[in-house]
Amino acid sequence: LGDVYKRQINIGIIQNCQAASIGDNSKDMVGGICGVNLGVIIDCEINNSTVTGRDNVGGIAAENFGLIHNTKLGPVRILSTGRNAGAIAGYNGRFSGHEGRVAVEKTESLDGGAVNVSGNINVGGLIGKNEGMLTAPSFGKAVFRGFVNGTENVGGIVGENSADLSSFDNRSVIAAGNGNAGGIIGKNTGSYSVSNCDNYGTVTAVSGYAGGILGMYQHA
């Protein structure tokens, strides 16, 4: 990684910022606001931006081990040539006692209509690979609209998931080349529940598995 990418680590509070266009397809850990989040990112927006990278590419953070709260998505392109790509975070999970949480607080905040996430493996409308917390509004469901396409493990909300998930609607177009395409989750790994989620989008796979909610359920 180049030094500019190594230094983009947040351990404080970032609020009311707009993500910039950044990256190229030879770089890992590229995020519109920061590369790695160990702090708090609140009320930030990604709008009319393109974020490009290889592994772990996210519109807000490449990797999230802190809190990302109330992100607003406008027209945006996330382009990854490797693993883990999402409009909010490429990877959301655990690291050295930290657990990432992405909290959606407004039902309309994800309803941008022109979000395009494209990658290879683990491609999600919001998160590429999720091993942390992804929560919807307590008073309703979060709705995601856009286009999500990749080779394998492609989901309207999460590409590959290892956590409970509830109260998300997908109204986007999902396409996978080698399967595991799901309206909500491309591949669900482990004994984790998916509840109160609906898919109203189109889900296709050239080969392999495709499903309205899950592309593949792999019990641990």
C-alpha atoms as a PDB file:
ATOM      1  CA  LEU A   1       0.000   0.000   0.000  1.00  0.00           C
ATOM      2  CA  GLY A   2       1.099   3.524  -0.625  1.00  0.00           C
ATOM      3  CA  ASP A   3       1.676   5.770   2.397  1.00  0.00           C
ATOM      4  CA  VAL A   4      -1.377   7.875   1.632  1.00  0.00           C
ATOM      5  CA  TYR A   5      -3.609   4.823   2.066  1.00  0.00           C
ATOM      6  CA  LYS A   6      -1.815   3.640   5.225  1.00  0.00           C
ATOM      7  CA  ARG A   7      -2.436   6.951   6.990  1.00  0.00           C
ATOM      8  CA  GLN A   8      -6.199   6.968   6.458  1.00  0.00           C
ATOM      9  CA  ILE A   9      -7.114   5.476   9.855  1.00  0.00           C
ATOM     10  CA  ASN A  10      -9.850   7.139  11.908  1.00  0.00           C
ATOM     11  CA  ILE A  11      -9.743   6.798  15.698  1.00  0.00           C
ATOM     12  CA  GLY A  12     -11.844   9.886  16.454  1.00  0.00           C
ATOM     13  CA  ILE A  13     -15.161  11.339  15.291  1.00  0.00           C
ATOM     14  CA  ILE A  14     -15.897  12.338  11.693  1.00  0.00           C
ATOM     15  CA  GLN A  15     -19.220  14.111  11.192  1.00  0.00           C
ATOM     16  CA  ASN A  16     -21.133  15.766   8.336  1.00  0.00           C
ATOM     17  CA  CYS A  17     -18.549  15.005   5.652  1.00  0.00           C
ATOM     18  CA  GLN A  18     -18.873  14.043   2.026  1.00  0.00           C
ATOM     19  CA  ALA A  19     -16.853  11.169   0.608  1.00  0.00           C
ATOM     20  CA  ALA A  20     -14.501  11.964  -2.244  1.00  0.00           C
ATOM     21  CA  SER A  21     -13.677  10.099  -5.436  1.00  0.00           C
ATOM     22  CA  ILE A  22     -10.494   8.188  -4.728  1.00  0.00           C
ATOM     23  CA  GLY A  23      -8.352   5.193  -5.628  1.00  0.00           C
ATOM     24  CA  ASP A  24      -7.289   2.983  -8.491  1.00  0.00           C
ATOM     25  CA  ASN A  25      -7.673  -0.710  -9.146  1.00  0.00           C
ATOM     26  CA  SER A  26      -4.189  -1.620  -7.890  1.00  0.00           C
ATOM     27  CA  LYS A  27      -4.783  -0.413  -4.314  1.00  0.00           C
ATOM     28  CA  ASP A  28      -6.247  -2.293  -1.343  1.00  0.00           C
ATOM     29  CA  MET A  29      -8.234  -0.765   1.543  1.00  0.00           C
ATOM     30  CA  VAL A  30      -9.714   2.238  -0.250  1.00  0.00           C
ATOM     31  CA  GLY A  31     -12.557   4.188   1.376  1.00  0.00           C
ATOM     32  CA  GLY A  32     -14.280   7.436   0.469  1.00  0.00           C
ATOM     33  CA  ILE A  33     -13.890   8.825   4.024  1.00  0.00           C
ATOM     34  CA  CYS A  34     -11.138   6.629   5.480  1.00  0.00           C
ATOM     35  CA  GLY A  35      -9.310   3.374   4.909  1.00  0.00           C
ATOM     36  CA  VAL A  36      -9.859   1.894   8.397  1.00  0.00           C
ATOM     37  CA  ASN A  37     -12.449   3.130  10.896  1.00  0.00           C
ATOM     38  CA  LEU A  38     -11.823   2.477  14.587  1.00  0.00           C
ATOM     39  CA  GLY A  39     -13.805   5.513  15.712  1.00  0.00           C
ATOM     40  CA  VAL A  40     -17.139   7.075  14.780  1.00  0.00           C
ATOM     41  CA  ILE A  41     -18.344   8.277  11.371  1.00  0.00           C
ATOM     42  CA  ILE A  42     -21.726   9.979  11.640  1.00  0.00           C
ATOM     43  CA  ASP A  43     -24.085  11.763   9.221  1.00  0.00           C
ATOM     44  CA  CYS A  44     -21.693  11.459   6.271  1.00  0.00           C
ATOM     45  CA  GLU A  45     -22.682  11.240   2.638  1.00  0.00           C
ATOM     46  CA  ILE A  46     -21.332   9.719  -0.525  1.00  0.00           C
ATOM     47  CA  ASN A  47     -22.780  11.432  -3.567  1.00  0.00           C
ATOM     48  CA  ASN A  48     -21.550  11.769  -7.167  1.00  0.00           C
ATOM     49  CA  SER A  49     -18.329   9.970  -6.275  1.00  0.00           C
ATOM     50  CA  THR A  50     -16.395   6.955  -7.534  1.00  0.00           C
ATOM     51  CA  VAL A  51     -14.325   4.807  -5.182  1.00  0.00           C
ATOM     52  CA  THR A  52     -11.990   2.354  -6.893  1.00  0.00           C
ATOM     53  CA  GLY A  53      -9.689  -0.338  -5.517  1.00  0.00           C
ATOM     54  CA  ARG A  54      -8.790  -4.004  -5.357  1.00  0.00           C
ATOM     55  CA  ASP A  55      -9.541  -5.686  -1.969  1.00  0.00           C
ATOM     56  CA  ASN A  56     -11.718  -4.016   0.704  1.00  0.00           C
ATOM     57  CA  VAL A  57     -13.307  -1.073  -1.075  1.00  0.00           C
ATOM     58  CA  GLY A  58     -16.061   0.983   0.567  1.00  0.00           C
ATOM     59  CA  GLY A  59     -17.901   4.201  -0.111  1.00  0.00           C
ATOM     60  CA  ILE A  60     -17.366   5.359   3.487  1.00  0.00           C
ATOM     61  CA  ALA A  61     -14.687   3.021   4.896  1.00  0.00           C
ATOM     62  CA  ALA A  62     -12.684   0.182   3.424  1.00  0.00           C
ATOM     63  CA  GLU A  63     -12.717  -1.665   6.764  1.00  0.00           C
ATOM     64  CA  ASN A  64     -14.984  -0.796   9.701  1.00  0.00           C
ATOM     65  CA  PHE A  65     -14.260  -1.785  13.296  1.00  0.00           C
ATOM     66  CA  GLY A  66     -15.992   1.226  14.840  1.00  0.00           C
ATOM     67  CA  LEU A  67     -19.375   2.867  14.259  1.00  0.00           C
ATOM     68  CA  ILE A  68     -20.716   4.183  10.963  1.00  0.00           C
ATOM     69  CA  HIS A  69     -24.005   5.903  11.717  1.00  0.00           C
ATOM     70  CA  ASN A  70     -26.659   7.322   9.397  1.00  0.00           C
ATOM     71  CA  THR A  71     -24.917   7.327   6.020  1.00  0.00           C
ATOM     72  CA  LYS A  72     -26.733   8.917   3.088  1.00  0.00           C
ATOM     73  CA  LEU A  73     -26.168   7.408  -0.343  1.00  0.00           C
ATOM     74  CA  GLY A  74     -26.560   9.404  -3.542  1.00  0.00           C
ATOM     75  CA  PRO A  75     -25.383   8.535  -7.049  1.00  0.00           C
ATOM     76  CA  VAL A  76     -22.151   6.611  -6.450  1.00  0.00           C
ATOM     77  CA  ARG A  77     -19.944   3.979  -8.069  1.00  0.00           C
ATOM     78  CA  ILE A  78     -17.905   1.453  -6.104  1.00  0.00           C
ATOM     79  CA  LEU A  79     -15.482  -0.470  -8.303  1.00  0.00           C
ATOM     80  CA  SER A  80     -13.404  -3.391  -6.995  1.00  0.00           C
ATOM     81  CA  THR A  81     -11.249  -5.877  -8.855  1.00  0.00           C
ATOM     82  CA  GLY A  82     -10.794  -8.144  -5.820  1.00  0.00           C
ATOM     83  CA  ARG A  83     -12.695  -9.046  -2.653  1.00  0.00           C
ATOM     84  CA  ASN A  84     -15.127  -7.186  -0.392  1.00  0.00           C
ATOM     85  CA  ALA A  85     -16.859  -4.176  -1.945  1.00  0.00           C
ATOM     86  CA  GLY A  86     -19.841  -2.208  -0.627  1.00  0.00           C
ATOM     87  CA  ALA A  87     -21.371   1.255  -0.838  1.00  0.00           C
ATOM     88  CA  ILE A  88     -20.763   1.812   2.903  1.00  0.00           C
ATOM     89  CA  ALA A  89     -17.931  -0.600   3.805  1.00  0.00           C
ATOM     90  CA  GLY A  90     -15.926  -3.260   2.062  1.00  0.00           C
ATOM     91  CA  TYR A  91     -15.509  -5.199   5.324  1.00  0.00           C
ATOM     92  CA  ASN A  92     -17.409  -4.761   8.597  1.00  0.00           C
ATOM     93  CA  GLY A  93     -16.188  -6.946  11.428  1.00  0.00           C
ATOM     94  CA  ARG A  94     -13.952  -7.504  14.431  1.00  0.00           C
ATOM     95  CA  PHE A  95     -10.365  -6.565  15.182  1.00  0.00           C
ATOM     96  CA  SER A  96      -8.419  -6.577  18.467  1.00  0.00           C
ATOM     97  CA  GLY A  97     -11.428  -6.114  20.743  1.00  0.00           C
ATOM     98  CA  HIS A  98     -13.283  -3.788  18.375  1.00  0.00           C
ATOM     99  CA  GLU A  99     -16.539  -4.772  16.641  1.00  0.00           C
ATOM    100  CA  GLY A 100     -17.776  -2.850  13.652  1.00  0.00           C
ATOM    101  CA  ARG A 101     -21.329  -1.568  13.553  1.00  0.00           C
ATOM    102  CA  VAL A 102     -23.123   0.058  10.640  1.00  0.00           C
ATOM    103  CA  ALA A 103     -26.351   1.682  11.834  1.00  0.00           C
ATOM    104  CA  VAL A 104     -28.961   2.919   9.364  1.00  0.00           C
ATOM    105  CA  GLU A 105     -31.263   5.374  11.139  1.00  0.00           C
ATOM    106  CA  LYS A 106     -33.419   6.794   8.339  1.00  0.00           C
ATOM    107  CA  THR A 107     -35.415   4.603   5.994  1.00  0.00           C
ATOM    108  CA  GLU A 108     -34.893   6.955   3.050  1.00  0.00           C
ATOM    109  CA  SER A 109     -31.140   7.407   3.488  1.00  0.00           C
ATOM    110  CA  LEU A 110     -30.253   4.393   1.320  1.00  0.00           C
ATOM    111  CA  ASP A 111     -32.883   5.084  -1.312  1.00  0.00           C
ATOM    112  CA  GLY A 112     -30.508   6.866  -3.674  1.00  0.00           C
ATOM    113  CA  GLY A 113     -31.575   4.968  -6.780  1.00  0.00           C
ATOM    114  CA  ALA A 114     -28.242   5.323  -8.565  1.00  0.00           C
ATOM    115  CA  VAL A 115     -25.838   3.304  -6.412  1.00  0.00           C
ATOM    116  CA  ASN A 116     -23.668   0.984  -8.491  1.00  0.00           C
ATOM    117  CA  VAL A 117     -21.414  -1.548  -6.752  1.00  0.00           C
ATOM    118  CA  SER A 118     -19.266  -3.741  -8.980  1.00  0.00           C
ATOM    119  CA  GLY A 119     -16.638  -6.239  -7.884  1.00  0.00           C
ATOM    120  CA  ASN A 120     -15.346  -9.778  -7.962  1.00  0.00           C
ATOM    121  CA  ILE A 121     -15.957 -11.764  -4.737  1.00  0.00           C
ATOM    122  CA  ASN A 122     -18.144 -10.612  -1.806  1.00  0.00           C
ATOM    123  CA  VAL A 123     -20.004  -7.705  -3.361  1.00  0.00           C
ATOM    124  CA  GLY A 124     -22.865  -6.103  -1.414  1.00  0.00           C
ATOM    125  CA  GLY A 125     -25.088  -3.106  -1.873  1.00  0.00           C
ATOM    126  CA  LEU A 126     -24.062  -1.879   1.574  1.00  0.00           C
ATOM    127  CA  ILE A 127     -21.282  -4.182   2.833  1.00  0.00           C
ATOM    128  CA  GLY A 128     -19.074  -6.607   0.926  1.00  0.00           C
ATOM    129  CA  LYS A 129     -18.253  -8.952   3.835  1.00  0.00           C
ATOM    130  CA  ASN A 130     -20.057  -8.591   7.156  1.00  0.00           C
ATOM    131  CA  GLU A 131     -18.908 -10.163  10.420  1.00  0.00           C
ATOM    132  CA  GLY A 132     -20.063  -7.276  12.620  1.00  0.00           C
ATOM    133  CA  MET A 133     -23.368  -5.519  13.280  1.00  0.00           C
ATOM    134  CA  LEU A 134     -25.609  -4.088  10.575  1.00  0.00           C
ATOM    135  CA  THR A 135     -28.764  -2.542  11.997  1.00  0.00           C
ATOM    136  CA  ALA A 136     -31.843  -0.979  10.406  1.00  0.00           C
ATOM    137  CA  PRO A 137     -34.081   1.783  11.843  1.00  0.00           C
ATOM    138  CA  SER A 138     -36.008   0.767  14.956  1.00  0.00           C
ATOM    139  CA  PHE A 139     -39.211   2.244  13.505  1.00  0.00           C
ATOM    140  CA  GLY A 140     -39.156   0.702  10.031  1.00  0.00           C
ATOM    141  CA  LYS A 141     -37.123  -0.986   7.333  1.00  0.00           C
ATOM    142  CA  ALA A 142     -34.130   0.268   5.389  1.00  0.00           C
ATOM    143  CA  VAL A 143     -34.632   0.216   1.620  1.00  0.00           C
ATOM    144  CA  PHE A 144     -31.727  -0.089  -0.800  1.00  0.00           C
ATOM    145  CA  ARG A 145     -31.986   0.688  -4.515  1.00  0.00           C
ATOM    146  CA  GLY A 146     -29.237   0.354  -7.072  1.00  0.00           C
ATOM    147  CA  PHE A 147     -27.213  -2.117  -9.117  1.00  0.00           C
ATOM    148  CA  VAL A 148     -24.909  -4.752  -7.621  1.00  0.00           C
ATOM    149  CA  ASN A 149     -22.883  -7.094  -9.780  1.00  0.00           C
ATOM    150  CA  GLY A 150     -19.886  -9.363  -9.330  1.00  0.00           C
ATOM    151  CA  THR A 151     -18.495 -12.823  -9.882  1.00  0.00           C
ATOM    152  CA  GLU A 152     -19.406 -14.632  -6.651  1.00  0.00           C
ATOM    153  CA  ASN A 153     -21.244 -13.918  -3.364  1.00  0.00           C
ATOM    154  CA  VAL A 154     -23.284 -10.949  -4.552  1.00  0.00           C
ATOM    155  CA  GLY A 155     -26.114  -9.543  -2.435  1.00  0.00           C
ATOM    156  CA  GLY A 156     -28.426  -6.564  -2.402  1.00  0.00           C
ATOM    157  CA  ILE A 157     -27.433  -5.750   1.176  1.00  0.00           C
ATOM    158  CA  VAL A 158     -24.386  -7.959   1.974  1.00  0.00           C
ATOM    159  CA  GLY A 159     -22.158 -10.093  -0.235  1.00  0.00           C
ATOM    160  CA  GLU A 160     -20.974 -12.603   2.409  1.00  0.00           C
ATOM    161  CA  ASN A 161     -22.543 -12.500   5.860  1.00  0.00           C
ATOM    162  CA  SER A 162     -21.725 -13.998   9.261  1.00  0.00           C
ATOM    163  CA  ALA A 163     -24.116 -12.109  11.566  1.00  0.00           C
ATOM    164  CA  ASP A 164     -27.825 -11.739  12.296  1.00  0.00           C
ATOM    165  CA  LEU A 165     -29.645  -9.389   9.917  1.00  0.00           C
ATOM    166  CA  SER A 166     -33.113  -7.882  10.148  1.00  0.00           C
ATOM    167  CA  SER A 167     -35.422  -5.290   8.550  1.00  0.00           C
ATOM    168  CA  PHE A 168     -33.857  -4.564   5.167  1.00  0.00           C
ATOM    169  CA  ASP A 169     -35.575  -4.372   1.775  1.00  0.00           C
ATOM    170  CA  ASN A 170     -33.780  -4.742  -1.513  1.00  0.00           C
ATOM    171  CA  ARG A 171     -35.167  -3.085  -4.638  1.00  0.00           C
ATOM    172  CA  SER A 172     -31.995  -3.290  -6.700  1.00  0.00           C
ATOM    173  CA  VAL A 173     -30.742  -5.424  -9.586  1.00  0.00           C
ATOM    174  CA  ILE A 174     -28.388  -8.221  -8.480  1.00  0.00           C
ATOM    175  CA  ALA A 175     -26.233 -10.190 -10.917  1.00  0.00           C
ATOM    176  CA  ALA A 176     -23.507 -12.785 -10.311  1.00  0.00           C
ATOM    177  CA  GLY A 177     -21.333 -14.559 -12.849  1.00  0.00           C
ATOM    178  CA  ASN A 178     -20.510 -17.706 -10.872  1.00  0.00           C
ATOM    179  CA  GLY A 179     -23.410 -17.852  -8.467  1.00  0.00           C
ATOM    180  CA  ASN A 180     -24.370 -17.162  -4.858  1.00  0.00           C
ATOM    181  CA  ALA A 181     -26.545 -14.221  -5.841  1.00  0.00           C
ATOM    182  CA  GLY A 182     -29.163 -13.145  -3.305  1.00  0.00           C
ATOM    183  CA  GLY A 183     -31.633 -10.321  -3.001  1.00  0.00           C
ATOM    184  CA  ILE A 184     -30.489  -9.676   0.579  1.00  0.00           C
ATOM    185  CA  ILE A 185     -27.330 -11.803   1.071  1.00  0.00           C
ATOM    186  CA  GLY A 186     -25.183 -13.589  -1.484  1.00  0.00           C
ATOM    187  CA  LYS A 187     -23.754 -16.161   0.961  1.00  0.00           C
ATOM    188  CA  ASN A 188     -24.786 -16.603   4.601  1.00  0.00           C
ATOM    189  CA  THR A 189     -22.157 -18.486   6.597  1.00  0.00           C
ATOM    190  CA  GLY A 190     -22.999 -19.909  10.029  1.00  0.00           C
ATOM    191  CA  SER A 191     -26.146 -20.188  12.152  1.00  0.00           C
ATOM    192  CA  TYR A 192     -27.256 -16.590  11.740  1.00  0.00           C
ATOM    193  CA  SER A 193     -30.835 -15.451  11.287  1.00  0.00           C
ATOM    194  CA  VAL A 194     -32.245 -13.315   8.498  1.00  0.00           C
ATOM    195  CA  SER A 195     -35.609 -11.870   9.520  1.00  0.00           C
ATOM    196  CA  ASN A 196     -38.133  -9.282   8.322  1.00  0.00           C
ATOM    197  CA  CYS A 197     -36.260  -8.822   5.043  1.00  0.00           C
ATOM    198  CA  ASP A 198     -37.885  -8.621   1.612  1.00  0.00           C
ATOM    199  CA  ASN A 199     -36.583  -8.589  -1.916  1.00  0.00           C
ATOM    200  CA  TYR A 200     -38.401  -6.736  -4.698  1.00  0.00           C
ATOM    201  CA  GLY A 201     -35.444  -6.637  -7.074  1.00  0.00           C
ATOM    202  CA  THR A 202     -34.178  -8.869  -9.859  1.00  0.00           C
ATOM    203  CA  VAL A 203     -31.654 -11.583  -8.974  1.00  0.00           C
ATOM    204  CA  THR A 204     -29.751 -13.519 -11.634  1.00  0.00           C
ATOM    205  CA  ALA A 205     -26.723 -15.818 -11.795  1.00  0.00           C
ATOM    206  CA  VAL A 206     -25.078 -17.062 -14.975  1.00  0.00           C
ATOM    207  CA  SER A 207     -24.173 -20.276 -13.133  1.00  0.00           C
ATOM    208  CA  GLY A 208     -24.453 -21.523  -9.551  1.00  0.00           C
ATOM    209  CA  TYR A 209     -27.048 -20.554  -6.963  1.00  0.00           C
ATOM    210  CA  ALA A 210     -29.440 -17.607  -6.874  1.00  0.00           C
ATOM    211  CA  GLY A 211     -32.252 -16.796  -4.460  1.00  0.00           C
ATOM    212  CA  GLY A 212     -34.683 -14.032  -3.637  1.00  0.00           C
ATOM    213  CA  ILE A 213     -33.331 -13.646  -0.088  1.00  0.00           C
ATOM    214  CA  LEU A 214     -30.182 -15.819   0.092  1.00  0.00           C
ATOM    215  CA  GLY A 215     -28.038 -17.107  -2.708  1.00  0.00           C
ATOM    216  CA  MET A 216     -26.438 -19.750  -0.497  1.00  0.00           C
ATOM    217  CA  TYR A 217     -26.781 -20.794   3.143  1.00  0.00           C
ATOM    218  CA  GLN A 218     -23.688 -22.526   4.473  1.00  0.00           C
ATOM    219  CA  HIS A 219     -24.145 -23.876   7.975  1.00  0.00           C
ATOM    220  CA  ALA A 220     -20.991 -23.755  10.110  1.00  0.00           C
END
